[in-house]
Amino acid sequence: MPTFRKFAFPNQATADKLLQSLQPLDTAVPLGNIDGLVCYDVLFQDACPASLNAYIVWPTPCGVHSFLGWDEQYTADYQEFATPSTK
């Protein structure tokens, strides 16, 4: 299932190295430097690779960029993963 994730890398070299593993149909949009971090939005045609999980960030929906039609999915994931309810 396609997945939309936001990433913040410590520097461009780290971002370049990790984003080399994207598949041909994955789409990465560079957002530039935000709060001293190199930020990207990526729309994966499948699940996010585990190698990128440490760099996922969850800005309040939907941050400075969103892929057209993906706001609802990002908001649902934000509620599930970034703000899980405590029981």
N, C-alpha and C. Protein backbone atom coordinates (compact mmCIF):
# COMPACT_ATOMS: atom_id res chain seq x y z
N MET A 1 0.84 -1.18 0.00
CA MET A 1 0.00 0.00 0.00
C MET A 1 0.88 1.24 0.00
N PRO A 2 0.58 2.23 -0.82
CA PRO A 2 1.38 3.46 -0.84
C PRO A 2 1.39 4.13 0.53
N THR A 3 2.50 4.79 0.83
CA THR A 3 2.70 5.41 2.13
C THR A 3 3.34 6.78 1.95
N PHE A 4 2.84 7.77 2.69
CA PHE A 4 3.38 9.13 2.68
C PHE A 4 4.06 9.36 4.03
N ARG A 5 5.36 9.69 4.00
CA ARG A 5 6.11 9.97 5.22
C ARG A 5 6.94 11.23 5.06
N LYS A 6 7.22 11.87 6.20
CA LYS A 6 8.05 13.07 6.25
C LYS A 6 9.34 12.72 6.99
N PHE A 7 10.45 13.27 6.51
CA PHE A 7 11.76 12.93 7.06
C PHE A 7 12.57 14.18 7.37
N ALA A 8 13.40 14.07 8.42
CA ALA A 8 14.37 15.11 8.78
C ALA A 8 15.71 14.43 9.00
N PHE A 9 16.67 14.77 8.17
CA PHE A 9 18.01 14.18 8.24
C PHE A 9 18.98 15.19 8.84
N PRO A 10 20.03 14.71 9.50
CA PRO A 10 20.98 15.64 10.13
C PRO A 10 21.79 16.46 9.11
N ASN A 11 21.95 15.92 7.91
CA ASN A 11 22.71 16.64 6.87
C ASN A 11 22.36 16.07 5.50
N GLN A 12 22.78 16.78 4.45
CA GLN A 12 22.44 16.38 3.08
C GLN A 12 23.10 15.06 2.69
N ALA A 13 24.31 14.81 3.19
CA ALA A 13 25.01 13.56 2.85
C ALA A 13 24.23 12.35 3.35
N THR A 14 23.69 12.43 4.55
CA THR A 14 22.88 11.33 5.10
C THR A 14 21.62 11.15 4.27
N ALA A 15 20.97 12.25 3.94
CA ALA A 15 19.75 12.19 3.12
C ALA A 15 20.06 11.55 1.77
N ASP A 16 21.12 12.01 1.10
CA ASP A 16 21.47 11.46 -0.21
C ASP A 16 21.73 9.96 -0.14
N LYS A 17 22.49 9.53 0.87
CA LYS A 17 22.83 8.12 1.00
C LYS A 17 21.58 7.26 1.20
N LEU A 18 20.71 7.68 2.10
CA LEU A 18 19.52 6.87 2.40
C LEU A 18 18.46 6.93 1.30
N LEU A 19 18.33 8.06 0.65
CA LEU A 19 17.32 8.18 -0.40
C LEU A 19 17.72 7.51 -1.71
N GLN A 20 18.98 7.07 -1.81
CA GLN A 20 19.41 6.32 -2.99
C GLN A 20 18.65 5.01 -3.13
N SER A 21 18.13 4.51 -2.02
CA SER A 21 17.46 3.22 -2.04
C SER A 21 15.99 3.31 -2.48
N LEU A 22 15.51 4.51 -2.81
CA LEU A 22 14.12 4.64 -3.24
C LEU A 22 13.88 3.86 -4.53
N GLN A 23 12.69 3.33 -4.64
CA GLN A 23 12.29 2.59 -5.83
C GLN A 23 11.91 3.59 -6.94
N PRO A 24 11.91 3.14 -8.22
CA PRO A 24 11.64 4.06 -9.33
C PRO A 24 10.32 4.83 -9.23
N LEU A 25 9.29 4.25 -8.64
CA LEU A 25 8.00 4.94 -8.56
C LEU A 25 7.81 5.74 -7.27
N ASP A 26 8.78 5.69 -6.36
CA ASP A 26 8.73 6.51 -5.15
C ASP A 26 9.04 7.96 -5.54
N THR A 27 8.42 8.89 -4.84
CA THR A 27 8.62 10.31 -5.15
C THR A 27 9.12 11.04 -3.91
N ALA A 28 10.28 11.69 -4.03
CA ALA A 28 10.85 12.46 -2.93
C ALA A 28 10.82 13.94 -3.29
N VAL A 29 10.33 14.75 -2.35
CA VAL A 29 10.28 16.20 -2.54
C VAL A 29 11.15 16.86 -1.48
N PRO A 30 12.24 17.53 -1.90
CA PRO A 30 13.08 18.22 -0.92
C PRO A 30 12.37 19.47 -0.41
N LEU A 31 12.34 19.63 0.91
CA LEU A 31 11.69 20.80 1.51
C LEU A 31 12.71 21.83 1.97
N GLY A 32 13.99 21.46 1.92
CA GLY A 32 15.04 22.38 2.34
C GLY A 32 15.40 22.18 3.80
N ASN A 33 16.08 23.17 4.35
CA ASN A 33 16.50 23.12 5.76
C ASN A 33 15.41 23.73 6.64
N ILE A 34 14.96 22.93 7.60
CA ILE A 34 13.96 23.39 8.57
C ILE A 34 14.53 23.08 9.95
N ASP A 35 14.70 24.10 10.75
CA ASP A 35 15.25 23.95 12.10
C ASP A 35 16.60 23.22 12.09
N GLY A 36 17.43 23.52 11.09
CA GLY A 36 18.77 22.94 11.01
C GLY A 36 18.83 21.52 10.48
N LEU A 37 17.69 20.98 10.03
CA LEU A 37 17.66 19.62 9.50
C LEU A 37 17.29 19.66 8.02
N VAL A 38 17.77 18.67 7.27
CA VAL A 38 17.46 18.55 5.84
C VAL A 38 16.18 17.73 5.73
N CYS A 39 15.12 18.36 5.22
CA CYS A 39 13.80 17.73 5.26
C CYS A 39 13.30 17.33 3.87
N TYR A 40 12.63 16.19 3.84
CA TYR A 40 12.04 15.64 2.62
C TYR A 40 10.67 15.06 2.93
N ASP A 41 9.78 15.12 1.96
CA ASP A 41 8.55 14.35 1.97
C ASP A 41 8.70 13.26 0.92
N VAL A 42 8.29 12.04 1.26
CA VAL A 42 8.41 10.93 0.31
C VAL A 42 7.08 10.20 0.23
N LEU A 43 6.65 9.97 -1.00
CA LEU A 43 5.48 9.14 -1.26
C LEU A 43 6.01 7.81 -1.80
N PHE A 44 5.91 6.79 -0.97
CA PHE A 44 6.37 5.45 -1.34
C PHE A 44 5.24 4.70 -2.03
N GLN A 45 5.56 3.93 -3.04
CA GLN A 45 4.55 3.11 -3.69
C GLN A 45 4.24 1.86 -2.88
N ASP A 46 5.03 1.62 -1.85
CA ASP A 46 4.84 0.50 -0.94
C ASP A 46 5.14 1.03 0.47
N ALA A 47 5.52 0.17 1.36
CA ALA A 47 5.84 0.59 2.72
C ALA A 47 7.18 1.34 2.76
N CYS A 48 7.36 2.12 3.79
CA CYS A 48 8.62 2.84 4.02
C CYS A 48 9.70 1.83 4.40
N PRO A 49 10.87 1.88 3.77
CA PRO A 49 11.96 0.97 4.15
C PRO A 49 12.40 1.19 5.60
N ALA A 50 12.70 0.13 6.29
CA ALA A 50 13.11 0.19 7.70
C ALA A 50 14.33 1.09 7.90
N SER A 51 15.20 1.18 6.92
CA SER A 51 16.42 1.99 7.05
C SER A 51 16.11 3.48 7.23
N LEU A 52 14.91 3.91 6.88
CA LEU A 52 14.53 5.32 7.00
C LEU A 52 13.72 5.62 8.26
N ASN A 53 13.29 4.60 8.96
CA ASN A 53 12.39 4.80 10.11
C ASN A 53 12.92 5.75 11.17
N ALA A 54 14.20 5.74 11.41
CA ALA A 54 14.78 6.60 12.45
C ALA A 54 14.68 8.08 12.11
N TYR A 55 14.42 8.41 10.86
CA TYR A 55 14.39 9.80 10.41
C TYR A 55 12.97 10.33 10.17
N ILE A 56 11.96 9.51 10.44
CA ILE A 56 10.58 9.96 10.26
C ILE A 56 10.26 11.01 11.31
N VAL A 57 9.60 12.07 10.87
CA VAL A 57 9.10 13.11 11.78
C VAL A 57 7.60 13.27 11.55
N TRP A 58 6.93 13.78 12.55
CA TRP A 58 5.47 13.92 12.50
C TRP A 58 5.04 15.35 12.81
N PRO A 59 5.25 16.29 11.87
CA PRO A 59 4.72 17.64 12.12
C PRO A 59 3.19 17.59 12.12
N THR A 60 2.59 18.53 12.84
CA THR A 60 1.14 18.62 12.87
C THR A 60 0.63 18.65 11.43
N PRO A 61 -0.37 17.85 11.14
CA PRO A 61 -0.84 17.75 9.74
C PRO A 61 -1.09 19.12 9.13
N CYS A 62 -0.60 19.29 7.93
CA CYS A 62 0.30 18.40 7.20
C CYS A 62 1.68 19.02 7.02
N GLY A 63 2.06 19.94 7.85
CA GLY A 63 3.37 20.56 7.71
C GLY A 63 3.39 21.57 6.58
N VAL A 64 4.57 21.80 5.99
CA VAL A 64 4.72 22.80 4.94
C VAL A 64 4.42 22.27 3.55
N HIS A 65 4.26 20.96 3.40
CA HIS A 65 4.02 20.35 2.09
C HIS A 65 3.17 19.10 2.25
N SER A 66 2.40 18.82 1.23
CA SER A 66 1.64 17.57 1.19
C SER A 66 1.48 17.16 -0.26
N PHE A 67 1.36 15.87 -0.49
CA PHE A 67 1.05 15.39 -1.82
C PHE A 67 -0.46 15.49 -2.03
N LEU A 68 -0.87 15.96 -3.18
CA LEU A 68 -2.28 16.15 -3.49
C LEU A 68 -3.06 14.86 -3.23
N GLY A 69 -4.07 14.96 -2.40
CA GLY A 69 -4.91 13.81 -2.11
C GLY A 69 -4.43 12.94 -0.96
N TRP A 70 -3.31 13.28 -0.33
CA TRP A 70 -2.74 12.44 0.73
C TRP A 70 -2.87 13.04 2.13
N ASP A 71 -3.52 14.18 2.26
CA ASP A 71 -3.69 14.81 3.58
C ASP A 71 -4.42 13.89 4.55
N GLU A 72 -5.48 13.25 4.09
CA GLU A 72 -6.29 12.40 4.96
C GLU A 72 -5.49 11.21 5.48
N GLN A 73 -4.71 10.57 4.60
CA GLN A 73 -3.90 9.43 5.03
C GLN A 73 -2.82 9.87 6.01
N TYR A 74 -2.18 11.02 5.74
CA TYR A 74 -1.15 11.51 6.65
C TYR A 74 -1.76 11.80 8.02
N THR A 75 -2.92 12.44 8.04
CA THR A 75 -3.58 12.78 9.30
C THR A 75 -3.93 11.52 10.09
N ALA A 76 -4.42 10.50 9.42
CA ALA A 76 -4.74 9.23 10.09
C ALA A 76 -3.48 8.59 10.67
N ASP A 77 -2.41 8.57 9.89
CA ASP A 77 -1.14 8.01 10.38
C ASP A 77 -0.59 8.85 11.53
N TYR A 78 -0.71 10.16 11.44
CA TYR A 78 -0.27 11.06 12.51
C TYR A 78 -0.99 10.71 13.80
N GLN A 79 -2.28 10.52 13.72
CA GLN A 79 -3.07 10.19 14.91
C GLN A 79 -2.69 8.82 15.46
N GLU A 80 -2.37 7.89 14.58
CA GLU A 80 -2.02 6.53 15.03
C GLU A 80 -0.60 6.44 15.59
N PHE A 81 0.36 7.06 14.91
CA PHE A 81 1.76 6.87 15.26
C PHE A 81 2.37 8.01 16.09
N ALA A 82 1.98 9.24 15.84
CA ALA A 82 2.60 10.37 16.52
C ALA A 82 1.88 10.75 17.79
N THR A 83 0.59 10.48 17.85
CA THR A 83 -0.19 10.85 19.03
C THR A 83 -1.04 9.68 19.50
N PRO A 84 -0.42 8.54 19.76
CA PRO A 84 -1.23 7.39 20.19
C PRO A 84 -1.90 7.68 21.53
N SER A 85 -3.11 7.22 21.66
CA SER A 85 -3.82 7.45 22.92
C SER A 85 -3.29 6.48 23.98
N THR A 86 -3.19 6.96 25.17
CA THR A 86 -2.70 6.12 26.27
C THR A 86 -3.89 5.43 26.91
N LYS A 87 -3.69 4.19 27.25
CA LYS A 87 -4.79 3.41 27.86
C LYS A 87 -4.41 2.96 29.23
